[in-house]
Protein backbone atom coordinates (compact mmCIF):
# COMPACT_ATOMS: atom_id res chain seq x y z
CA MET A 1 -4.04 -24.05 23.78
CA LYS A 2 -4.78 -24.02 27.04
CA GLN A 3 -8.15 -22.88 28.22
CA GLN A 4 -8.52 -19.41 29.49
CA PRO A 5 -11.65 -18.95 30.90
CA LEU A 6 -11.27 -15.03 32.21
CA LEU A 7 -9.37 -14.02 28.90
CA GLY A 8 -11.70 -15.63 26.52
CA PHE A 9 -14.49 -14.28 28.55
CA VAL A 10 -12.89 -10.96 28.19
CA PHE A 11 -11.78 -11.42 24.37
CA ALA A 12 -15.81 -11.99 24.15
CA LEU A 13 -17.14 -8.85 25.49
CA ILE A 14 -14.56 -7.00 23.60
CA THR A 15 -15.94 -7.96 20.73
CA ALA A 16 -19.78 -8.00 21.78
CA MET A 17 -18.82 -4.09 22.63
CA ALA A 18 -17.12 -3.50 19.66
CA TRP A 19 -19.68 -5.21 17.55
CA GLY A 20 -22.49 -3.13 19.58
CA SER A 21 -20.94 0.50 19.39
CA LEU A 22 -20.48 0.27 15.64
CA PRO A 23 -23.62 1.61 14.26
CA LEU A 24 -23.32 4.33 16.70
CA ALA A 25 -20.35 5.57 15.03
CA LEU A 26 -21.38 5.06 11.52
CA LYS A 27 -24.89 6.65 11.60
CA GLN A 28 -21.92 9.65 12.25
CA VAL A 29 -20.45 9.01 9.69
CA LEU A 30 -23.03 8.54 6.85
CA THR A 31 -23.79 12.47 7.80
CA ALA A 32 -20.61 13.24 5.37
CA MET A 33 -19.82 10.14 3.55
CA ASP A 34 -21.81 7.51 1.19
CA THR A 35 -22.33 4.22 1.87
CA LEU A 36 -20.18 2.35 -0.31
CA THR A 37 -17.21 4.06 0.48
CA ILE A 38 -16.96 4.30 4.15
CA VAL A 39 -17.21 0.22 3.90
CA TRP A 40 -14.46 0.05 0.97
CA TYR A 41 -12.68 1.91 3.36
CA ARG A 42 -12.70 0.03 6.28
CA PHE A 43 -12.02 -3.09 4.35
CA LEU A 44 -8.69 -1.32 2.90
CA VAL A 45 -7.69 -0.98 6.54
CA ALA A 46 -8.25 -4.49 7.33
CA THR A 47 -6.70 -5.89 4.69
CA LEU A 48 -3.37 -3.87 4.90
CA ALA A 49 -3.68 -4.92 8.52
CA LEU A 50 -4.23 -8.74 8.16
CA LEU A 51 -1.18 -8.23 5.17
CA LEU A 52 0.82 -6.42 7.49
CA LEU A 53 0.15 -9.43 10.36
CA LEU A 54 0.18 -12.82 8.17
CA GLY A 55 3.69 -11.14 6.38
CA ILE A 56 5.09 -11.13 9.12
CA SER A 57 4.74 -14.05 10.98
CA GLY A 58 5.09 -15.84 6.73
CA LYS A 59 1.52 -17.26 7.35
CA LEU A 60 0.52 -16.00 4.05
CA PRO A 61 -1.81 -17.83 2.12
CA LYS A 62 -0.14 -19.45 -1.17
CA LEU A 63 -1.86 -19.35 -4.72
CA SER A 64 -0.43 -22.76 -4.46
CA GLN A 65 -3.68 -24.17 -2.59
CA LEU A 66 -6.55 -22.18 -4.46
CA ASN A 67 -8.31 -24.17 -6.92
CA ARG A 68 -11.50 -23.39 -8.78
CA TYR A 69 -13.56 -25.17 -5.87
CA PHE A 70 -11.55 -22.65 -3.51
CA VAL A 71 -11.47 -19.56 -5.70
CA GLY A 72 -15.35 -19.95 -6.09
CA LEU A 73 -15.92 -20.28 -2.27
CA ALA A 74 -13.89 -16.78 -2.13
CA VAL A 75 -16.08 -15.35 -4.68
CA ILE A 76 -19.29 -16.22 -2.99
CA GLY A 77 -18.03 -15.26 0.58
CA ILE A 78 -16.35 -11.83 -0.75
CA LEU A 79 -20.64 -11.47 -2.25
CA GLY A 80 -21.89 -12.26 0.63
CA LEU A 81 -19.58 -10.17 3.41
CA ALA A 82 -19.91 -7.20 0.71
CA GLY A 83 -23.40 -7.47 0.17
CA ASN A 84 -23.94 -7.99 4.37
CA PHE A 85 -21.65 -4.72 4.67
CA SER A 86 -23.43 -2.25 2.36
CA LEU A 87 -26.57 -2.68 3.39
CA PHE A 88 -26.40 -2.74 6.73
CA ASN A 89 -24.76 0.61 6.11
CA SER A 90 -27.43 1.49 3.89
CA SER A 91 -30.67 0.75 6.84
CA LEU A 92 -29.06 2.75 9.15
CA ARG A 93 -30.15 5.79 6.86
CA PHE A 94 -33.49 5.29 7.78
CA ILE A 95 -33.61 2.95 11.41
CA GLU A 96 -31.93 3.74 14.59
CA PRO A 97 -28.85 1.36 15.41
CA SER A 98 -30.85 -0.41 18.10
CA VAL A 99 -33.18 -1.24 15.43
CA ALA A 100 -31.13 -2.14 13.17
CA GLN A 101 -28.93 -4.06 15.13
CA ILE A 102 -31.92 -6.28 16.59
CA PHE A 103 -31.37 -8.88 13.72
CA ILE A 104 -28.08 -9.26 14.44
CA HIS A 105 -29.40 -12.86 15.62
CA LEU A 106 -30.91 -13.75 12.79
CA SER A 107 -27.71 -14.63 11.03
CA SER A 108 -26.85 -17.56 13.29
CA PHE A 109 -30.57 -19.46 13.43
CA MET A 110 -30.44 -19.24 9.56
CA MET A 111 -26.53 -20.99 9.52
CA LEU A 112 -28.26 -23.32 11.96
CA PHE A 113 -31.01 -24.22 8.92
CA CYS A 114 -28.27 -24.27 6.47
CA GLY A 115 -26.41 -26.56 8.46
CA VAL A 116 -29.52 -28.64 8.64
CA VAL A 117 -30.00 -28.41 4.86
CA ILE A 118 -26.28 -28.97 4.03
CA PHE A 119 -24.51 -30.59 6.03
CA LYS A 120 -27.07 -32.43 7.22
CA GLU A 121 -26.66 -31.57 10.98
CA THR A 122 -29.37 -32.22 13.76
CA LEU A 123 -31.90 -29.49 14.91
CA GLY A 124 -31.96 -29.87 18.27
CA LEU A 125 -34.92 -29.16 20.48
CA HIS A 126 -33.36 -26.46 22.54
CA GLN A 127 -32.53 -24.43 19.24
CA LYS A 128 -36.13 -24.81 17.72
CA ILE A 129 -37.26 -23.21 21.36
CA GLY A 130 -34.39 -20.69 20.40
CA VAL A 131 -36.52 -19.93 17.54
CA VAL A 132 -39.72 -19.53 18.47
CA VAL A 133 -38.67 -17.32 21.58
CA LEU A 134 -36.40 -14.97 19.05
CA ILE A 135 -39.93 -14.74 16.93
CA ILE A 136 -41.66 -13.90 20.48
CA GLY A 137 -38.89 -11.47 21.28
CA LEU A 138 -39.05 -9.84 17.23
CA CYS A 139 -43.09 -9.20 18.04
CA LEU A 140 -42.29 -7.58 21.37
CA PHE A 141 -39.60 -5.69 20.50
CA PHE A 142 -41.88 -3.99 17.36
CA ASN A 143 -45.19 -3.93 19.47
CA ASP A 144 -45.83 0.06 18.35
CA ARG A 145 -44.26 -0.29 15.02
CA LEU A 146 -46.18 -2.88 13.40
CA ASP A 147 -48.61 -0.42 11.37
CA ASP A 148 -44.64 0.49 9.72
CA PHE A 149 -44.50 -2.73 8.30
CA THR A 150 -48.16 -2.49 6.43
CA ARG A 151 -46.31 0.29 4.27
CA LEU A 152 -43.50 1.43 1.89
CA ASN A 153 -42.40 4.22 4.64
CA ASP A 154 -38.58 5.11 5.56
CA TYR A 155 -38.88 2.72 8.07
CA PHE A 156 -39.85 -0.46 6.82
CA ILE A 157 -37.25 -0.21 4.14
CA GLY A 158 -34.44 -0.31 7.11
CA VAL A 159 -35.80 -2.69 8.39
CA ILE A 160 -36.31 -4.99 4.87
CA LEU A 161 -32.47 -3.94 4.34
CA SER A 162 -31.12 -4.58 7.77
CA VAL A 163 -33.00 -7.77 7.28
CA CYS A 164 -31.64 -8.46 4.20
CA ALA A 165 -28.17 -7.98 5.26
CA SER A 166 -28.39 -11.03 8.07
CA ILE A 167 -29.57 -13.44 5.94
CA ILE A 168 -26.52 -12.41 3.01
CA TRP A 169 -24.29 -12.72 5.45
CA VAL A 170 -25.10 -16.37 5.96
CA THR A 171 -23.92 -16.81 2.36
CA TYR A 172 -20.14 -15.45 3.71
CA GLY A 173 -20.67 -18.21 7.11
CA LEU A 174 -20.82 -20.79 4.73
CA ALA A 175 -18.24 -20.16 2.18
CA GLN A 176 -16.01 -19.23 5.09
CA LYS A 177 -16.45 -22.46 7.40
CA LEU A 178 -15.82 -24.66 4.12
CA MET A 179 -12.63 -22.65 3.44
CA LEU A 180 -11.34 -23.64 6.96
CA ARG A 181 -10.98 -26.94 5.99
CA ARG A 182 -7.44 -25.89 3.72
CA PHE A 183 -6.76 -22.05 4.72
CA SER A 184 -6.41 -20.74 8.65
CA SER A 185 -9.11 -18.14 9.48
CA GLN A 186 -7.35 -15.28 9.21
CA GLN A 187 -6.42 -16.47 5.66
CA VAL A 188 -9.62 -16.22 4.56
CA LEU A 189 -10.06 -12.92 6.10
CA LEU A 190 -7.52 -11.88 4.04
CA MET A 191 -8.58 -12.98 0.96
CA ILE A 192 -12.43 -11.78 1.28
CA TYR A 193 -11.33 -8.24 2.70
CA PHE A 194 -9.25 -7.88 -0.15
CA GLY A 195 -11.86 -9.00 -2.95
CA CYS A 196 -14.27 -6.95 -1.15
CA ALA A 197 -12.05 -3.91 -1.22
CA VAL A 198 -11.72 -4.40 -5.35
CA VAL A 199 -15.36 -5.00 -5.57
CA PHE A 200 -15.98 -1.70 -3.73
CA THR A 201 -12.75 0.28 -5.77
CA PRO A 202 -15.34 1.62 -8.63
CA PHE A 203 -18.28 3.22 -6.24
CA ALA A 204 -15.78 5.04 -3.86
CA ASP A 205 -15.58 8.82 -3.79
CA PHE A 206 -12.19 8.88 -2.08
CA PRO A 207 -11.87 12.94 -1.43
CA GLN A 208 -14.93 12.58 0.44
CA VAL A 209 -12.66 11.59 3.72
CA GLU A 210 -10.68 14.99 3.90
CA ALA A 211 -14.04 16.69 4.34
CA LEU A 212 -14.42 15.05 7.54
CA SER A 213 -14.28 17.25 10.78
CA GLY A 214 -12.55 16.35 14.43
CA PHE A 215 -15.98 14.47 15.75
CA THR A 216 -17.05 12.55 12.47
CA LEU A 217 -12.99 11.69 11.57
CA LEU A 218 -13.24 10.10 15.22
CA CYS A 219 -15.83 8.16 14.20
CA PHE A 220 -14.44 7.23 10.80
CA ILE A 221 -11.45 6.21 12.20
CA TYR A 222 -13.58 4.13 14.82
CA CYS A 223 -15.18 2.36 12.15
CA CYS A 224 -12.52 1.25 10.15
CA LEU A 225 -10.58 0.06 13.40
CA ASN A 226 -13.96 -1.82 14.61
CA THR A 227 -13.44 -4.89 12.14
CA LEU A 228 -9.85 -5.45 13.43
CA ILE A 229 -10.81 -4.96 16.88
CA GLY A 230 -13.92 -7.25 16.71
CA TYR A 231 -12.84 -10.30 14.57
CA GLY A 232 -9.38 -9.88 16.70
CA ALA A 233 -10.86 -10.62 19.90
CA TYR A 234 -13.18 -13.04 18.39
CA ALA A 235 -10.64 -15.19 17.35
CA GLU A 236 -8.70 -14.90 20.21
CA ALA A 237 -11.83 -15.63 22.63
CA LEU A 238 -12.67 -18.70 20.96
CA ASN A 239 -8.76 -19.92 21.28
CA ARG A 240 -9.46 -19.39 25.00
CA TRP A 241 -13.07 -20.42 25.93
CA ASP A 242 -15.71 -23.16 24.78
CA VAL A 243 -17.57 -22.05 21.15
CA ALA A 244 -21.04 -22.35 23.34
CA LYS A 245 -19.38 -19.73 26.95
CA VAL A 246 -18.51 -17.12 23.77
CA SER A 247 -21.68 -17.10 21.35
CA VAL A 248 -23.38 -16.51 24.68
CA VAL A 249 -21.37 -13.42 25.22
CA ILE A 250 -22.19 -12.76 21.58
CA THR A 251 -25.74 -12.61 22.16
CA LEU A 252 -25.87 -9.02 24.53
CA VAL A 253 -24.91 -7.39 20.92
CA PRO A 254 -28.76 -6.09 21.23
CA LEU A 255 -28.41 -4.85 24.50
CA PHE A 256 -24.99 -3.11 24.42
CA THR A 257 -26.11 -0.99 20.99
CA ILE A 258 -29.15 -0.34 23.53
CA LEU A 259 -26.61 0.65 26.77
CA PHE A 260 -24.25 2.40 24.57
CA SER A 261 -27.20 4.49 23.06
CA HIS A 262 -27.76 5.89 26.01
CA LEU A 263 -25.00 6.69 27.48
CA LEU A 264 -23.74 8.59 24.55
CA HIS A 265 -26.93 10.31 24.62
CA TYR A 266 -26.90 11.54 27.59
CA CYS A 267 -23.01 12.35 27.36
CA LEU A 268 -22.99 14.12 23.76
CA PRO A 269 -26.80 15.03 23.00
CA GLN A 270 -25.83 16.71 20.34
CA HIS A 271 -24.71 14.29 18.21
CA PHE A 272 -26.78 11.09 19.64
CA ALA A 273 -30.24 10.84 20.21
CA ALA A 274 -31.99 8.53 22.60
CA PRO A 275 -33.32 5.03 21.49
CA GLU A 276 -37.21 5.06 20.69
CA LEU A 277 -38.35 2.74 22.36
CA ASN A 278 -41.05 1.83 24.84
CA SER A 279 -40.67 -0.81 27.82
CA ILE A 280 -42.24 -3.49 26.02
CA SER A 281 -39.53 -2.83 23.23
CA TYR A 282 -37.10 -3.14 26.20
CA LEU A 283 -38.33 -6.29 27.17
CA GLY A 284 -38.31 -8.06 23.27
CA ALA A 285 -34.96 -7.02 23.36
CA LEU A 286 -34.45 -9.32 26.27
CA VAL A 287 -36.63 -11.83 25.03
CA VAL A 288 -34.46 -11.39 21.30
CA VAL A 289 -31.28 -12.46 23.69
CA LEU A 290 -32.82 -15.14 25.29
CA GLY A 291 -33.89 -17.14 22.16
CA ALA A 292 -29.90 -16.56 20.94
CA MET A 293 -29.30 -17.59 24.33
CA THR A 294 -30.84 -21.24 24.21
CA SER A 295 -29.89 -22.04 21.04
CA ALA A 296 -26.54 -21.23 22.09
CA ILE A 297 -26.08 -23.25 25.20
CA GLY A 298 -30.19 -24.82 25.79
CA HIS A 299 -28.35 -28.44 24.83
CA ARG A 300 -26.74 -27.89 28.91
CA PHE A 301 -30.35 -27.53 30.28
CA ILE A 302 -32.58 -30.17 27.80
CA LYS A 303 -31.59 -33.87 28.45
CA PRO A 304 -32.61 -35.71 25.37
CA LYS A 305 -34.61 -38.90 26.38
CA PRO A 306 -32.61 -42.54 26.77
CA VAL A 307 -32.62 -44.49 24.11
CA PRO A 308 -33.70 -47.88 25.74
CA LYS A 309 -31.99 -51.06 25.57
CA ILE A 310 -33.12 -53.63 23.62
CA LYS A 311 -33.00 -57.27 25.87
CA MET A 312 -31.15 -59.78 24.32
CA PRO A 313 -33.09 -63.20 24.36
CA ASP A 314 -31.34 -65.77 26.33
């Protein structure tokens, strides 16, 4: 597809805003529904929407394309994404959205290391610098909560759940990367979304949705649609813009979460609390984003050393 930078930027921005706002809506719904039920409804809506989209376009995956290898990859992807969704939702019961979202970039860095180990990819200098900057940023972000990491309280449990959610997402990311050798991204998502919906069906309490009030119901509907909005816009951004540039915009997700937290607290203080962050924590969030940006586009500023030419004898 022809490059369309403006549209690519818009879709990438929509993705970052969708992913940044999601935990704020989720935290509202968690007051009335349990984690596994919310996750089941989100996967069900995403599955039905993709099934309709691919069915109309005649691009549904064929069972004949699935052999034992790809079935195994699909199972790994299903377990990875199901674990990610359930752990992240659970973390929001213990910590605020801005804290849970700060770990989103751990998935990207874990993917880098897995790429080095599994796919024998090279870890560039800019990516090594990005990891160091990320660690510094996390230390700054949690500057006033370091004591919580020395004792098993709710805050520590929430952080561990959020970190585990980011790490387990890597299994989904690797499985999807391998499945893309035979299937399109939407076909892979359909299979994994459907599998996740099946996994959570025995644990879902379906009548819970009937008890939702007006505001909480709106948040619930937004959570269900967010997966389609975020991932759909992300796919369109990649089709119209460079991957590195899209990745830079996506690094802004934690900052959008903090921004939306303040805006929603200002507009609806009865529903949304302000982030409990000090000045150093805000600086830490910026440094974390800087680390992710360095990893994504740092190679454009760090020139590799020229390879010396070997002079052949006359």
